[in-house]
Protein backbone atom coordinates (compact mmCIF):
# COMPACT_ATOMS: atom_id res chain seq x y z
CA MET A 1 0.00 0.00 0.00
CA TYR A 2 2.76 2.44 0.92
CA GLU A 3 5.48 1.08 -1.34
CA GLY A 4 7.04 3.91 -3.34
CA ILE A 5 4.98 6.56 -1.54
CA ASN A 6 7.55 8.89 0.02
CA LEU A 7 5.88 12.31 0.16
CA ILE A 8 2.41 12.68 1.69
CA THR A 9 1.00 16.16 2.26
CA ALA A 10 -1.06 16.85 5.37
CA ILE A 11 -3.30 19.15 3.38
CA ILE A 12 -4.72 22.37 4.78
CA THR A 13 -8.46 23.14 4.81
CA PRO A 14 -9.15 26.49 3.10
CA PHE A 15 -12.02 28.67 4.37
CA THR A 16 -14.22 31.32 2.76
CA VAL A 17 -15.03 34.79 4.09
CA ASN A 18 -18.10 33.17 5.68
CA ASP A 19 -15.90 30.64 7.54
CA GLU A 20 -17.08 27.74 5.41
CA ILE A 21 -14.85 25.24 3.63
CA ASP A 22 -13.61 26.84 0.41
CA TYR A 23 -13.95 23.98 -2.06
CA GLU A 24 -13.10 26.11 -5.09
CA SER A 25 -9.70 27.02 -3.64
CA LEU A 26 -9.20 23.47 -2.40
CA GLU A 27 -9.70 22.10 -5.89
CA LYS A 28 -6.98 24.37 -7.30
CA LEU A 29 -4.62 23.57 -4.43
CA ILE A 30 -5.00 19.81 -4.85
CA GLU A 31 -4.07 19.98 -8.52
CA HIS A 32 -1.08 22.18 -7.73
CA LEU A 33 0.18 19.75 -5.08
CA LEU A 34 -0.28 16.73 -7.33
CA ASN A 35 1.81 18.51 -9.97
CA HIS A 36 4.54 19.34 -7.48
CA GLY A 37 5.53 16.15 -5.74
CA SER A 38 2.65 15.11 -3.47
CA GLN A 39 2.00 11.37 -3.74
CA GLY A 40 -0.72 11.32 -1.12
CA PHE A 41 -2.79 13.39 1.28
CA VAL A 42 -3.81 13.23 4.91
CA ILE A 43 -7.30 14.73 5.00
CA ALA A 44 -8.57 16.78 7.95
CA GLY A 45 -5.50 16.20 10.08
CA THR A 46 -4.14 18.74 12.53
CA THR A 47 -2.78 20.78 9.61
CA GLY A 48 -6.29 20.62 8.18
CA GLU A 49 -7.58 22.17 11.45
CA SER A 50 -9.48 19.03 12.39
CA PRO A 51 -10.28 20.21 15.95
CA THR A 52 -12.44 22.98 14.46
CA LEU A 53 -14.23 20.83 11.89
CA SER A 54 -17.56 19.20 12.65
CA PHE A 55 -17.99 15.51 11.91
CA GLU A 56 -20.29 16.42 9.01
CA GLU A 57 -17.64 18.76 7.59
CA LYS A 58 -14.98 16.06 7.86
CA VAL A 59 -17.14 13.59 5.94
CA GLU A 60 -18.01 16.16 3.27
CA LEU A 61 -14.38 17.28 2.95
CA THR A 62 -13.15 13.69 2.68
CA LYS A 63 -15.71 12.83 0.02
CA PHE A 64 -14.79 15.93 -2.00
CA ILE A 65 -11.06 15.23 -1.98
CA ALA A 66 -11.56 11.52 -2.63
CA LYS A 67 -13.76 12.25 -5.65
CA GLN A 68 -11.34 14.79 -7.11
CA VAL A 69 -8.17 12.77 -6.52
CA GLY A 70 -9.54 9.33 -7.29
CA ASN A 71 -6.69 6.88 -7.71
CA ARG A 72 -4.07 9.53 -8.52
CA ALA A 73 -2.70 9.62 -4.98
CA LEU A 74 -2.85 7.76 -1.66
CA LEU A 75 -5.61 9.13 0.59
CA ILE A 76 -5.67 8.86 4.39
CA ALA A 77 -8.69 10.17 6.27
CA ASN A 78 -8.27 11.36 9.86
CA ALA A 79 -10.67 9.73 12.31
CA GLY A 80 -8.73 10.21 15.53
CA SER A 81 -9.72 12.00 18.73
CA ASN A 82 -9.42 11.43 22.47
CA ASN A 83 -12.86 9.79 22.50
CA THR A 84 -12.55 6.14 21.47
CA LYS A 85 -16.24 5.69 20.71
CA GLN A 86 -16.31 8.75 18.44
CA SER A 87 -13.08 7.68 16.76
CA VAL A 88 -14.55 4.24 16.08
CA GLU A 89 -17.68 5.75 14.52
CA ALA A 90 -15.59 8.14 12.44
CA ALA A 91 -13.37 5.30 11.23
CA LYS A 92 -16.44 3.29 10.23
CA ALA A 93 -17.90 6.18 8.22
CA LEU A 94 -14.71 7.51 6.61
CA SER A 95 -13.33 4.11 5.66
CA LYS A 96 -16.43 3.43 3.56
CA ILE A 97 -15.72 6.39 1.24
CA GLU A 98 -14.56 5.38 -2.23
CA HIS A 99 -10.84 5.95 -2.94
CA ILE A 100 -9.91 6.29 0.74
CA ASN A 101 -6.92 4.02 1.33
CA GLY A 102 -6.33 4.39 5.05
CA ILE A 103 -7.43 5.89 8.36
CA LEU A 104 -5.28 8.05 10.65
CA ALA A 105 -5.75 7.93 14.42
CA VAL A 106 -3.85 10.03 16.96
CA THR A 107 -2.79 9.13 20.48
CA PRO A 108 -5.62 10.30 22.79
CA TYR A 109 -4.87 13.79 24.03
CA TYR A 110 -5.70 15.33 27.44
CA ASN A 111 -7.02 12.07 28.94
CA LYS A 112 -3.45 10.83 29.52
CA PRO A 113 -4.24 7.11 29.16
CA SER A 114 -1.75 4.35 29.96
CA GLN A 115 0.07 2.36 27.29
CA ALA A 116 -2.48 -0.42 27.76
CA GLY A 117 -5.30 2.10 27.34
CA MET A 118 -3.81 3.48 24.13
CA ILE A 119 -3.26 0.00 22.74
CA ALA A 120 -6.92 -0.84 23.43
CA HIS A 121 -7.97 2.50 21.86
CA PHE A 122 -6.13 1.84 18.59
CA LYS A 123 -7.24 -1.78 18.40
CA ALA A 124 -10.88 -0.72 18.75
CA ILE A 125 -10.47 1.73 15.85
CA ALA A 126 -8.66 -0.85 13.72
CA ASP A 127 -11.32 -3.47 14.42
CA ALA A 128 -14.03 -1.06 13.23
CA SER A 129 -12.30 0.34 10.14
CA GLU A 130 -12.73 -1.09 6.66
CA LYS A 131 -9.33 0.33 5.70
CA PRO A 132 -5.91 -0.08 7.36
CA VAL A 133 -5.08 2.26 10.22
CA MET A 134 -2.05 4.54 10.52
CA LEU A 135 -1.07 5.38 14.10
CA TYR A 136 -0.13 8.99 14.88
CA ASN A 137 2.37 9.43 17.69
CA ILE A 138 2.89 13.09 18.62
CA PRO A 139 3.45 13.48 22.37
CA GLY A 140 4.51 17.11 21.91
CA ARG A 141 0.85 17.91 21.29
CA THR A 142 -1.00 15.11 23.05
CA VAL A 143 1.21 14.89 26.20
CA VAL A 144 1.14 11.08 26.11
CA GLY A 145 2.98 9.02 23.52
CA LEU A 146 3.29 5.43 22.42
CA THR A 147 6.47 3.63 23.39
CA VAL A 148 8.37 1.68 20.77
CA ASP A 149 7.20 -1.56 22.43
CA SER A 150 3.56 -0.45 22.15
CA VAL A 151 4.01 0.41 18.46
CA ILE A 152 5.57 -2.99 17.81
CA GLU A 153 2.65 -4.69 19.56
CA LEU A 154 0.09 -2.69 17.59
CA ALA A 155 1.91 -3.46 14.34
CA GLN A 156 0.91 -7.10 14.85
CA HIS A 157 -2.76 -6.15 14.40
CA PRO A 158 -3.87 -7.21 10.91
CA ASN A 159 -5.49 -3.83 10.25
CA ILE A 160 -2.70 -1.52 11.51
CA ASN A 161 0.01 -1.06 8.91
CA ALA A 162 1.75 2.31 9.45
CA ILE A 163 2.66 5.11 11.83
CA LYS A 164 3.23 8.84 11.58
CA GLU A 165 6.06 9.22 14.08
CA THR A 166 7.07 12.68 15.31
CA THR A 167 9.35 11.93 18.23
CA SER A 168 12.88 11.21 17.00
CA THR A 169 14.98 9.41 14.43
CA GLU A 170 15.79 6.88 17.16
CA PHE A 171 12.10 5.99 17.45
CA VAL A 172 11.81 5.63 13.67
CA GLU A 173 14.88 3.38 13.63
CA ALA A 174 13.61 1.16 16.45
CA GLU A 175 10.12 0.85 14.94
CA VAL A 176 11.55 -0.09 11.54
CA GLU A 177 13.83 -2.65 13.19
CA GLY A 178 11.06 -4.14 15.33
CA THR A 179 8.37 -4.56 12.66
CA THR A 180 7.81 -6.24 9.31
CA GLY A 181 5.65 -4.85 6.51
CA PHE A 182 4.93 -1.77 8.62
CA ALA A 183 5.46 1.71 7.13
CA VAL A 184 7.13 4.23 9.45
CA TYR A 185 6.71 7.84 8.30
CA THR A 186 8.16 10.85 10.02
CA GLY A 187 5.74 13.66 10.74
CA GLU A 188 8.61 16.14 11.16
CA ASP A 189 9.68 17.75 7.89
CA ALA A 190 13.17 18.50 9.17
CA MET A 191 13.69 14.78 9.92
CA THR A 192 13.10 13.76 6.29
CA LEU A 193 16.71 12.85 5.51
CA SER A 194 17.58 11.26 8.85
CA ALA A 195 14.37 9.21 9.09
CA TYR A 196 14.70 7.91 5.54
CA THR A 197 18.30 6.84 6.04
CA VAL A 198 17.33 4.53 8.91
CA GLY A 199 14.57 2.85 6.91
CA GLY A 200 11.62 5.20 7.21
CA ALA A 201 9.04 5.15 4.42
CA GLY A 202 8.93 8.91 3.89
CA THR A 203 7.45 12.10 5.28
CA ILE A 204 3.96 13.33 6.06
CA SER A 205 4.63 16.95 5.35
CA VAL A 206 3.45 20.51 5.86
CA ALA A 207 6.33 22.10 3.96
CA SER A 208 5.36 20.25 0.77
CA HIS A 209 2.60 22.82 0.28
CA LEU A 210 5.39 25.26 -0.63
CA TYR A 211 8.48 23.13 -1.28
CA GLY A 212 7.04 20.04 -2.94
CA ASP A 213 9.48 20.09 -5.83
CA GLU A 214 12.50 20.35 -3.55
CA MET A 215 11.24 17.59 -1.27
CA SER A 216 10.55 15.38 -4.27
CA GLU A 217 14.10 16.04 -5.47
CA LEU A 218 15.37 15.09 -2.01
CA PHE A 219 13.69 11.68 -2.18
CA THR A 220 14.92 11.20 -5.75
CA ALA A 221 18.47 11.91 -4.61
CA MET A 222 18.20 9.51 -1.66
CA ASN A 223 16.71 6.75 -3.81
CA ALA A 224 19.64 7.21 -6.22
CA ASP A 225 22.16 7.04 -3.33
CA ASN A 226 23.23 10.59 -4.13
CA TRP A 227 23.72 11.48 -0.49
CA ARG A 228 25.69 14.69 -1.01
CA GLU A 229 22.88 16.13 -3.10
CA ALA A 230 20.33 14.86 -0.61
CA ALA A 231 22.23 16.53 2.23
CA ARG A 232 22.43 19.78 0.29
CA LEU A 233 18.69 19.77 -0.30
CA GLN A 234 17.95 18.98 3.35
CA ARG A 235 20.23 21.83 4.47
CA TYR A 236 18.33 24.16 2.15
CA LEU A 237 14.94 22.95 3.35
CA THR A 238 15.43 22.61 7.12
CA PRO A 239 15.40 26.33 8.07
CA ARG A 240 12.41 26.88 5.79
CA MET A 241 10.58 23.90 7.26
CA ASN A 242 11.24 25.18 10.77
CA ALA A 243 10.10 28.69 9.83
CA LEU A 244 6.67 27.33 8.94
CA PHE A 245 6.27 26.43 12.62
CA ALA A 246 7.45 29.76 14.00
CA TYR A 247 3.77 30.53 14.64
CA PRO A 248 0.83 28.18 15.26
CA SER A 249 0.48 25.84 12.29
CA PRO A 250 -1.07 25.95 9.72
CA THR A 251 -1.21 29.77 9.91
CA PRO A 252 2.25 30.36 8.36
CA VAL A 253 1.72 27.99 5.44
CA LYS A 254 -1.73 29.46 4.78
CA THR A 255 -0.21 32.94 4.81
CA LYS A 256 2.32 31.96 2.15
CA LEU A 257 -0.27 30.10 0.07
CA ALA A 258 -2.48 33.20 0.21
CA GLU A 259 0.39 35.28 -1.13
CA LYS A 260 0.58 32.87 -4.07
CA GLY A 261 -3.16 33.18 -4.70
CA PHE A 262 -4.20 29.66 -3.75
CA VAL A 263 -6.29 30.34 -0.62
CA ARG A 264 -7.37 33.06 1.77
CA GLU A 265 -5.40 33.53 4.98
CA ALA A 266 -8.45 32.47 6.98
CA VAL A 267 -8.04 30.11 9.91
CA ARG A 268 -10.63 29.14 12.48
CA LEU A 269 -10.51 30.22 16.09
CA PRO A 270 -8.71 29.68 18.36
CA LEU A 271 -6.12 30.25 15.62
CA ILE A 272 -5.87 33.79 14.25
CA PRO A 273 -4.18 35.21 11.12
CA LEU A 274 -0.64 36.50 11.40
CA SER A 275 -0.16 40.20 12.11
CA ASP A 276 1.83 42.35 9.67
CA ALA A 277 4.82 42.19 12.01
CA GLU A 278 4.57 38.39 12.19
CA LYS A 279 4.35 38.14 8.40
CA LEU A 280 7.46 40.26 8.08
CA HIS A 281 9.27 38.03 10.57
CA LEU A 282 8.11 34.88 8.76
CA ASN A 283 9.39 36.22 5.44
CA GLU A 284 12.72 37.08 7.04
CA LEU A 285 13.04 33.53 8.35
CA LEU A 286 12.18 32.02 4.98
CA GLU A 287 14.53 34.32 3.08
CA LYS A 288 17.45 33.49 5.35
């Protein structure tokens, strides 16, 4: 399923002046990303402002993207939350949508469950889903995180086949070493080179909205064992990738996409658009 899929974009959700999903802008953005390196999309993830989307909006958004993309790219729909029952119901509904290839589920935030609790949470989602589940381990946002041992245990489930890992290259390395037929993606753009060199499958990216060509070139260089070129590209990309997280994501990437005419700067509360001073600072970081 994930073989040859290196660059997956965690796609933003554009909004209109009336704070509704801007499907016209989304359509243009999808085609641009497909033409500039994206081999797949995570739909309604954190970058897609999932906490502010209603369940109905998530279903509608997923159906829209799935219909437009079809079989041209890998599609992963986000069903995760800190409520297992709701995550199970979301996984059931989203996994039925045509052209959806997988379901993403995050470690439960705020509740601070034990490792055993998180294992039971993910198994319940995987049991309910018609499509394979990708774990999402991001303790920097959720407070709790899966251990490598827990990931290896979950990888034995017949309907769990991947993880978006955001902790460290060491975690990626250990998860690759401890599993078979299990795709380990980094969720940290700046870890693209290091994660891939230890056996990672690729990157689930925010920066690919703006630097898709360069990231695609990076994977091409690594696949050709051209490590000096790969290192040069990563050195070029890393400060730009980090700059896109200088302010709450996805506000910076939306700001830059708005400058290019793809979307409006609109984000949903509690996020707010960047001030003029913040935009100036962001541009300075990117230009450096």
